[in-house]
Amino acid sequence: MVRVTRSVARKRRINRLLKQAKGFVGDRKNHHRLTRDALMKAWSYAFKGRKEKKRCMKSIWIQRINAACRCHGISYSKFIDGLTQAKIEIDRKILSSLTNDDPKAFEVIVDKAKQALEAV
């Protein structure tokens, strides 16, 4: 049986990892084992960071909606309760953009939420 060295494939795989570690400091950028460990850690942090970014954006949307609701004399929690009772299904991202882009439309939505709260 012929001996297989796998040298080309191994070199290609190592170079691909080293290329992804561009910008790393010290031995983490040019030693294969340390580079692999550093990249695994970086990839796990990146995965967590993408999830965290979504949470952060949602809290920013809620803060914007709350500030706009307070200007119209209603709290955020009452506003959301009024929306559910009025059967208005608009997500927080759209409501947040409405507070900046179209304040008149947001005011109409707040009025509908207030009316739904008064009806109960």
Protein backbone atom coordinates (compact mmCIF):
# COMPACT_ATOMS: atom_id res chain seq x y z
CA MET A 1 0.00 0.00 0.00
CA VAL A 2 1.21 3.51 -0.84
CA ARG A 3 2.08 5.87 2.01
CA VAL A 4 -0.11 9.00 2.14
CA THR A 5 1.46 12.11 3.66
CA ARG A 6 -1.49 14.51 3.43
CA SER A 7 1.03 17.35 3.41
CA VAL A 8 -0.78 19.53 0.88
CA ALA A 9 -4.15 19.24 2.58
CA ARG A 10 -2.64 19.77 6.04
CA LYS A 11 -0.69 22.84 4.90
CA ARG A 12 -3.82 24.29 3.27
CA ARG A 13 -5.87 23.74 6.43
CA ILE A 14 -3.21 25.30 8.68
CA ASN A 15 -2.77 28.28 6.35
CA ARG A 16 -6.53 28.85 6.32
CA LEU A 17 -6.53 29.01 10.13
CA LEU A 18 -3.48 31.25 10.23
CA LYS A 19 -5.08 33.58 7.73
CA GLN A 20 -8.17 33.91 9.94
CA ALA A 21 -5.94 34.76 12.90
CA LYS A 22 -4.61 37.89 11.21
CA GLY A 23 -4.33 40.64 13.79
CA PHE A 24 -3.85 38.31 16.76
CA VAL A 25 -0.93 39.15 19.06
CA GLY A 26 2.07 37.02 20.01
CA ASP A 27 2.29 33.29 19.35
CA ARG A 28 -1.47 33.12 18.79
CA LYS A 29 -0.98 34.34 15.23
CA ASN A 30 1.75 31.98 14.02
CA HIS A 31 1.65 28.74 16.03
CA HIS A 32 -0.92 26.30 14.73
CA ARG A 33 -2.14 24.87 18.05
CA LEU A 34 -2.35 28.23 19.83
CA THR A 35 -4.00 29.78 16.79
CA ARG A 36 -6.64 27.06 16.67
CA ASP A 37 -7.46 27.51 20.37
CA ALA A 38 -7.61 31.30 20.04
CA LEU A 39 -9.90 31.06 17.01
CA MET A 40 -12.26 28.65 18.78
CA LYS A 41 -12.54 31.12 21.66
CA ALA A 42 -13.01 34.05 19.26
CA TRP A 43 -15.75 32.22 17.35
CA SER A 44 -17.62 31.42 20.56
CA TYR A 45 -17.39 35.07 21.64
CA ALA A 46 -18.62 36.16 18.22
CA PHE A 47 -21.63 33.82 18.45
CA LYS A 48 -22.52 35.15 21.90
CA GLY A 49 -21.98 38.72 20.71
CA ARG A 50 -24.48 38.33 17.87
CA LYS A 51 -27.14 37.18 20.35
CA GLU A 52 -26.24 39.95 22.79
CA LYS A 53 -26.53 42.57 20.05
CA LYS A 54 -30.15 41.58 19.43
CA ARG A 55 -30.96 41.87 23.16
CA CYS A 56 -29.28 45.26 23.30
CA MET A 57 -31.23 46.55 20.29
CA LYS A 58 -34.54 45.38 21.77
CA SER A 59 -33.84 47.28 25.01
CA ILE A 60 -33.00 50.42 22.99
CA TRP A 61 -36.30 50.12 21.09
CA ILE A 62 -38.20 49.79 24.38
CA GLN A 63 -36.47 52.87 25.80
CA ARG A 64 -37.38 54.93 22.72
CA ILE A 65 -41.00 53.79 22.80
CA ASN A 66 -41.20 54.50 26.53
CA ALA A 67 -39.87 58.03 26.08
CA ALA A 68 -42.35 58.73 23.28
CA CYS A 69 -45.24 57.26 25.29
CA ARG A 70 -44.43 59.44 28.30
CA CYS A 71 -44.67 62.49 26.04
CA HIS A 72 -48.23 61.40 25.25
CA GLY A 73 -49.09 60.82 28.91
CA ILE A 74 -49.02 57.02 29.11
CA SER A 75 -46.45 54.56 30.46
CA TYR A 76 -44.81 51.91 28.32
CA SER A 77 -46.46 48.99 30.09
CA LYS A 78 -49.95 50.51 29.81
CA PHE A 79 -49.26 51.29 26.14
CA ILE A 80 -48.31 47.69 25.36
CA ASP A 81 -51.33 46.45 27.31
CA GLY A 82 -53.53 48.82 25.32
CA LEU A 83 -52.06 47.56 22.05
CA THR A 84 -52.82 43.94 22.93
CA GLN A 85 -56.37 44.82 23.97
CA ALA A 86 -56.88 46.80 20.75
CA LYS A 87 -55.49 43.79 18.83
CA ILE A 88 -52.79 45.90 17.18
CA GLU A 89 -49.81 43.72 16.31
CA ILE A 90 -46.83 45.96 15.60
CA ASP A 91 -43.41 44.87 16.79
CA ARG A 92 -41.16 47.06 18.90
CA LYS A 93 -38.72 47.72 16.07
CA ILE A 94 -41.43 49.32 13.92
CA LEU A 95 -42.88 51.25 16.87
CA SER A 96 -39.41 52.60 17.66
CA SER A 97 -38.88 53.75 14.09
CA LEU A 98 -42.33 55.37 14.09
CA THR A 99 -41.40 57.48 17.12
CA ASN A 100 -38.60 59.11 15.10
CA ASP A 101 -39.82 58.97 11.50
CA ASP A 102 -43.58 59.54 11.80
CA PRO A 103 -44.65 60.99 15.18
CA LYS A 104 -48.22 61.63 13.93
CA ALA A 105 -48.75 57.94 13.15
CA PHE A 106 -47.32 57.01 16.55
CA GLU A 107 -49.72 59.45 18.19
CA VAL A 108 -52.66 57.75 16.44
CA ILE A 109 -51.48 54.36 17.72
CA VAL A 110 -51.15 55.74 21.26
CA ASP A 111 -54.70 57.12 21.05
CA LYS A 112 -56.02 53.72 19.94
CA ALA A 113 -54.21 52.05 22.84
CA LYS A 114 -55.69 54.59 25.28
CA GLN A 115 -59.18 54.00 23.92
CA ALA A 116 -58.77 50.24 24.31
CA LEU A 117 -57.67 50.71 27.91
CA GLU A 118 -60.66 52.95 28.69
CA ALA A 119 -63.10 50.47 27.13
CA VAL A 120 -62.13 47.77 29.63
